[in-house]
Protein backbone atom coordinates (compact mmCIF):
# COMPACT_ATOMS: atom_id res chain seq x y z
CA MET A 1 47.07 54.66 97.47
CA ARG A 2 48.52 54.59 93.99
CA LEU A 3 51.96 56.17 93.51
CA LEU A 4 54.21 56.82 90.53
CA ASN A 5 57.63 55.17 90.72
CA VAL A 6 59.81 58.05 89.53
CA HIS A 7 62.57 55.73 88.33
CA THR A 8 60.46 53.36 86.22
CA ARG A 9 57.62 55.85 85.46
CA LYS A 10 55.19 53.05 86.39
CA LEU A 11 52.29 53.13 88.83
CA GLU A 12 52.34 51.00 91.99
CA GLU A 13 49.54 50.43 94.52
CA PHE A 14 49.97 50.39 98.30
CA THR A 15 47.74 49.47 101.23
CA GLY A 16 48.65 49.80 104.88
CA VAL A 17 52.12 51.32 105.15
CA ILE A 18 52.64 53.99 102.49
CA PRO A 19 56.24 54.78 101.47
CA SER A 20 57.58 58.33 101.57
CA TYR A 21 56.46 60.35 98.55
CA ALA A 22 56.52 63.82 97.03
CA ILE A 23 53.32 65.32 95.66
CA LEU A 24 52.48 67.83 92.92
CA SER A 25 50.16 70.81 93.06
CA HIS A 26 49.35 72.28 89.64
CA THR A 27 46.57 73.40 87.33
CA TRP A 28 45.21 71.13 84.64
CA THR A 29 45.61 71.74 80.92
CA SER A 30 43.85 70.09 77.98
CA GLU A 31 46.64 67.53 77.44
CA GLU A 32 47.19 65.80 80.77
CA VAL A 33 48.43 62.21 81.02
CA SER A 34 45.83 59.86 82.50
CA LEU A 35 46.15 56.57 84.36
CA GLN A 36 44.93 54.82 81.22
CA ASP A 37 47.74 56.46 79.21
CA LEU A 38 50.43 55.29 81.63
CA THR A 39 49.12 51.73 81.81
CA SER A 40 48.43 51.34 78.09
CA PRO A 41 50.46 48.87 75.97
CA ASP A 42 51.12 51.92 73.74
CA ARG A 43 52.26 53.91 76.76
CA GLU A 44 55.20 55.69 75.14
CA LYS A 45 53.15 56.67 72.12
CA LYS A 46 50.18 57.90 74.19
CA THR A 47 52.17 59.83 76.78
CA GLY A 48 54.73 61.27 74.37
CA ARG A 49 52.04 63.05 72.39
CA LYS A 50 50.74 64.99 75.39
CA LYS A 51 52.21 68.22 76.74
CA GLY A 52 51.34 67.10 80.25
CA TYR A 53 54.04 64.43 80.14
CA ALA A 54 56.75 67.10 80.40
CA LYS A 55 55.21 68.09 83.73
CA ILE A 56 55.45 64.49 84.94
CA GLU A 57 59.08 64.36 83.82
CA GLY A 58 59.79 67.54 85.78
CA LEU A 59 58.10 66.08 88.85
CA CYS A 60 60.12 62.87 88.58
CA ALA A 61 63.39 64.76 88.20
CA LYS A 62 62.75 66.86 91.32
CA THR A 63 61.61 63.85 93.32
CA ILE A 64 64.75 61.87 92.43
CA LEU A 65 66.93 64.86 93.27
CA ASP A 66 65.34 65.03 96.73
CA GLY A 67 65.93 61.33 97.32
CA TYR A 68 62.39 59.94 97.09
CA LYS A 69 61.31 56.94 95.05
CA TYR A 70 57.64 57.82 94.65
CA ALA A 71 55.48 60.77 93.67
CA TRP A 72 51.76 61.45 93.46
CA ILE A 73 49.99 63.53 90.84
CA ASP A 74 46.22 63.68 90.49
CA THR A 75 46.17 63.39 86.69
CA CYS A 76 47.43 59.80 86.53
CA CYS A 77 47.39 58.36 90.08
CA ILE A 78 43.58 58.21 90.26
CA ASP A 79 41.41 55.99 88.07
CA LYS A 80 38.71 58.52 87.26
CA SER A 81 36.68 55.91 85.38
CA SER A 82 35.88 54.35 88.78
CA SER A 83 33.37 56.43 90.73
CA ALA A 84 34.20 54.54 93.94
CA GLU A 85 37.93 55.22 93.59
CA LEU A 86 37.33 58.86 92.68
CA SER A 87 35.13 59.33 95.75
CA GLU A 88 37.72 57.72 98.03
CA ALA A 89 40.52 59.80 96.52
CA ILE A 90 38.71 63.12 96.91
CA ASN A 91 37.87 62.34 100.53
CA SER A 92 41.50 61.34 101.17
CA MET A 93 43.22 64.10 99.23
CA TYR A 94 43.75 66.57 102.07
CA ALA A 95 45.44 63.83 104.11
CA TRP A 96 47.55 62.77 101.12
CA TYR A 97 48.91 66.29 100.73
CA GLN A 98 49.38 66.60 104.48
CA ASN A 99 51.30 63.31 104.70
CA SER A 100 53.60 64.02 101.76
CA GLN A 101 57.28 64.63 102.40
CA LYS A 102 57.25 67.60 100.07
CA CYS A 103 54.78 69.35 97.79
CA TYR A 104 56.06 70.85 94.54
CA VAL A 105 53.90 73.75 93.39
CA TYR A 106 54.21 74.06 89.61
CA LEU A 107 53.03 77.47 88.38
CA GLU A 108 52.32 77.38 84.66
CA GLY A 109 52.72 80.75 82.96
CA VAL A 110 54.99 82.11 85.71
CA SER A 111 58.67 83.00 85.30
CA ALA A 112 61.16 83.03 88.17
CA ARG A 113 62.90 85.95 86.44
CA ASP A 114 59.87 88.25 86.78
CA ASP A 115 59.40 90.70 89.62
CA HIS A 116 56.60 88.86 91.43
CA PHE A 117 55.72 91.89 93.52
CA LEU A 118 54.57 94.06 90.62
CA GLN A 119 50.81 94.51 90.45
CA ASN A 120 50.48 92.80 87.06
CA SER A 121 53.19 90.18 87.55
CA SER A 122 52.83 86.69 86.09
CA PHE A 123 52.98 85.37 89.66
CA ARG A 124 49.97 87.39 90.83
CA LYS A 125 48.02 86.35 87.72
CA ALA A 126 48.83 82.63 87.98
CA ARG A 127 45.79 80.37 87.42
CA TRP A 128 46.86 78.38 90.46
CA PHE A 129 45.52 81.10 92.78
CA GLY A 130 42.06 80.97 91.25
CA ARG A 131 41.36 77.23 91.28
CA GLY A 132 39.29 75.51 93.94
CA TRP A 133 41.43 72.41 94.46
CA THR A 134 44.68 74.29 94.96
CA LEU A 135 43.44 75.92 98.18
CA GLN A 136 43.81 72.73 100.22
CA GLU A 137 47.04 72.00 98.36
CA LEU A 138 48.44 75.29 99.69
CA LEU A 139 47.41 74.64 103.29
CA ALA A 140 47.76 70.89 103.87
CA PRO A 141 51.45 70.07 103.15
CA LEU A 142 54.19 70.52 105.74
CA GLU A 143 56.66 71.64 103.10
CA LEU A 144 56.08 73.36 99.77
CA GLU A 145 58.51 74.40 97.07
CA PHE A 146 57.32 76.78 94.37
CA TYR A 147 58.58 76.42 90.78
CA ASP A 148 57.98 78.39 87.61
CA GLU A 149 56.87 76.96 84.26
CA ASP A 150 60.46 75.90 83.44
CA TRP A 151 60.88 74.18 86.82
CA LYS A 152 63.08 77.00 88.10
CA TYR A 153 62.99 77.21 91.90
CA MET A 154 61.43 80.35 93.40
CA PHE A 155 60.85 79.94 97.14
CA MET A 156 59.67 77.54 99.84
CA ILE A 157 57.32 77.27 102.81
CA ASP A 158 58.59 74.90 105.49
CA ARG A 159 56.15 74.24 108.33
CA ARG A 160 58.38 71.76 110.11
CA ALA A 161 59.58 73.67 113.18
CA ARG A 162 63.00 72.03 113.32
CA ASN A 163 63.73 72.98 109.70
CA TYR A 164 62.41 76.50 110.18
CA VAL A 165 64.95 77.05 112.96
CA TRP A 166 67.72 75.64 110.77
CA TRP A 167 67.33 78.22 108.01
CA ALA A 168 66.18 81.10 110.22
CA GLY A 169 68.10 84.26 109.39
CA SER A 170 69.23 83.01 105.99
CA LYS A 171 68.59 84.61 102.59
CA GLU A 172 66.20 81.74 101.94
CA ARG A 173 64.10 82.72 104.92
CA PHE A 174 64.05 86.37 103.81
CA ARG A 175 62.90 85.38 100.31
CA SER A 176 60.24 83.07 101.71
CA GLU A 177 58.96 85.67 104.18
CA GLN A 178 58.62 88.19 101.36
CA HIS A 179 56.62 85.71 99.31
CA MET A 180 54.58 84.74 102.37
CA ARG A 181 53.35 88.33 102.57
CA LEU A 182 52.60 88.29 98.85
CA LEU A 183 50.72 84.98 99.14
CA SER A 184 48.67 86.48 101.96
CA GLN A 185 47.76 89.48 99.81
CA ILE A 186 46.70 87.28 96.90
CA THR A 187 44.83 84.57 98.82
CA LYS A 188 43.44 86.69 101.70
CA ILE A 189 44.79 84.06 104.11
CA SER A 190 46.71 85.40 107.10
CA GLU A 191 50.48 85.00 107.18
CA ASP A 192 50.20 83.07 110.46
CA VAL A 193 47.96 80.44 108.86
CA LEU A 194 50.16 80.24 105.76
CA ARG A 195 53.25 79.86 107.93
CA CYS A 196 51.92 77.01 110.08
CA GLY A 197 49.19 75.49 107.89
CA ASN A 198 47.04 74.88 110.98
CA ILE A 199 43.42 75.70 110.19
CA SER A 200 41.85 74.08 113.28
CA ASP A 201 41.48 77.45 115.02
CA THR A 202 40.01 79.14 111.94
CA CYS A 203 36.22 79.38 111.85
CA ILE A 204 34.27 77.75 109.02
CA ALA A 205 33.13 81.14 107.69
CA ALA A 206 36.74 82.24 107.21
CA ARG A 207 37.65 78.99 105.44
CA LEU A 208 34.70 79.44 103.08
CA ALA A 209 35.76 83.04 102.45
CA TRP A 210 39.18 81.82 101.26
CA ALA A 211 37.42 79.76 98.59
CA ALA A 212 34.81 82.34 97.61
CA ASN A 213 36.45 83.53 94.39
CA ARG A 214 37.97 80.24 93.30
CA MET A 215 36.66 78.27 90.35
CA THR A 216 36.31 74.60 89.44
CA THR A 217 35.62 72.98 86.08
CA ARG A 218 32.67 70.95 87.38
CA VAL A 219 30.05 72.70 89.47
CA GLU A 220 29.95 69.87 92.03
CA ASP A 221 33.64 70.36 92.73
CA THR A 222 32.98 73.79 94.22
CA ALA A 223 31.72 71.79 97.20
CA TYR A 224 33.89 68.67 96.93
CA CYS A 225 37.16 70.63 96.88
CA LEU A 226 36.30 71.93 100.37
CA LEU A 227 35.77 68.57 102.08
CA GLY A 228 39.26 68.40 103.57
CA LEU A 229 39.27 72.06 104.62
CA LEU A 230 35.93 71.60 106.38
CA GLU A 231 36.95 68.22 107.84
CA VAL A 232 34.01 66.50 106.19
CA ASN A 233 33.84 63.01 104.68
CA MET A 234 30.94 62.20 102.38
CA PRO A 235 30.04 60.08 99.34
CA LEU A 236 30.30 61.87 96.01
CA LEU A 237 27.59 61.99 93.40
CA TYR A 238 28.39 63.89 90.23
CA GLY A 239 25.32 65.17 88.46
CA GLU A 240 23.45 66.05 91.65
CA VAL A 241 22.03 69.54 92.06
CA PHE A 242 23.05 71.62 95.07
């Protein structure tokens, strides 16, 4: 597994024991920073020109604040020029999100100041809710923190039972429970599943229904983004016809 050292902004590879890491869930834009950008001799020049680097800086800042040394982001922690590595990464991605210490959900185009419960709110219209890959990123992690486009904190989902008891009855719990209901309305996933993240008792038809209206850039990814949710491992072949 390749991780970003949030102090040096350099990539490091690990086999066997993986150190604790935070992970990012987001939607791609046209100017994301790639692995090749980060490892280039002209790294500062290449990354500085791209808007996506600000997102990496925000991720690093949050990760450092929470006391972790490493973070994972799909834009630059996977070598997409290697079909073998891409295949392994996609088959491993659900587990990577599940094993993270914390998942930061970055919602581009959303403001923490808005009333998220209005019918036409920026929160309800966030691209994140319509993308195929973000479905598993919502369900797999044990802890998620949601941030707006300026990295302003909005609310959290904590599926670790001991932590849930700790903040039970607090204003934080009330805010999170309100947003849990809103998430359920938007995603059509029950509050119970959102609260615990356990999909093992959910039938395959229901899992497919969650993904029915979500989109991916590549047609093959409409299937590949479901591998973790369906507990399937398979080789990937882009260009094949379903």
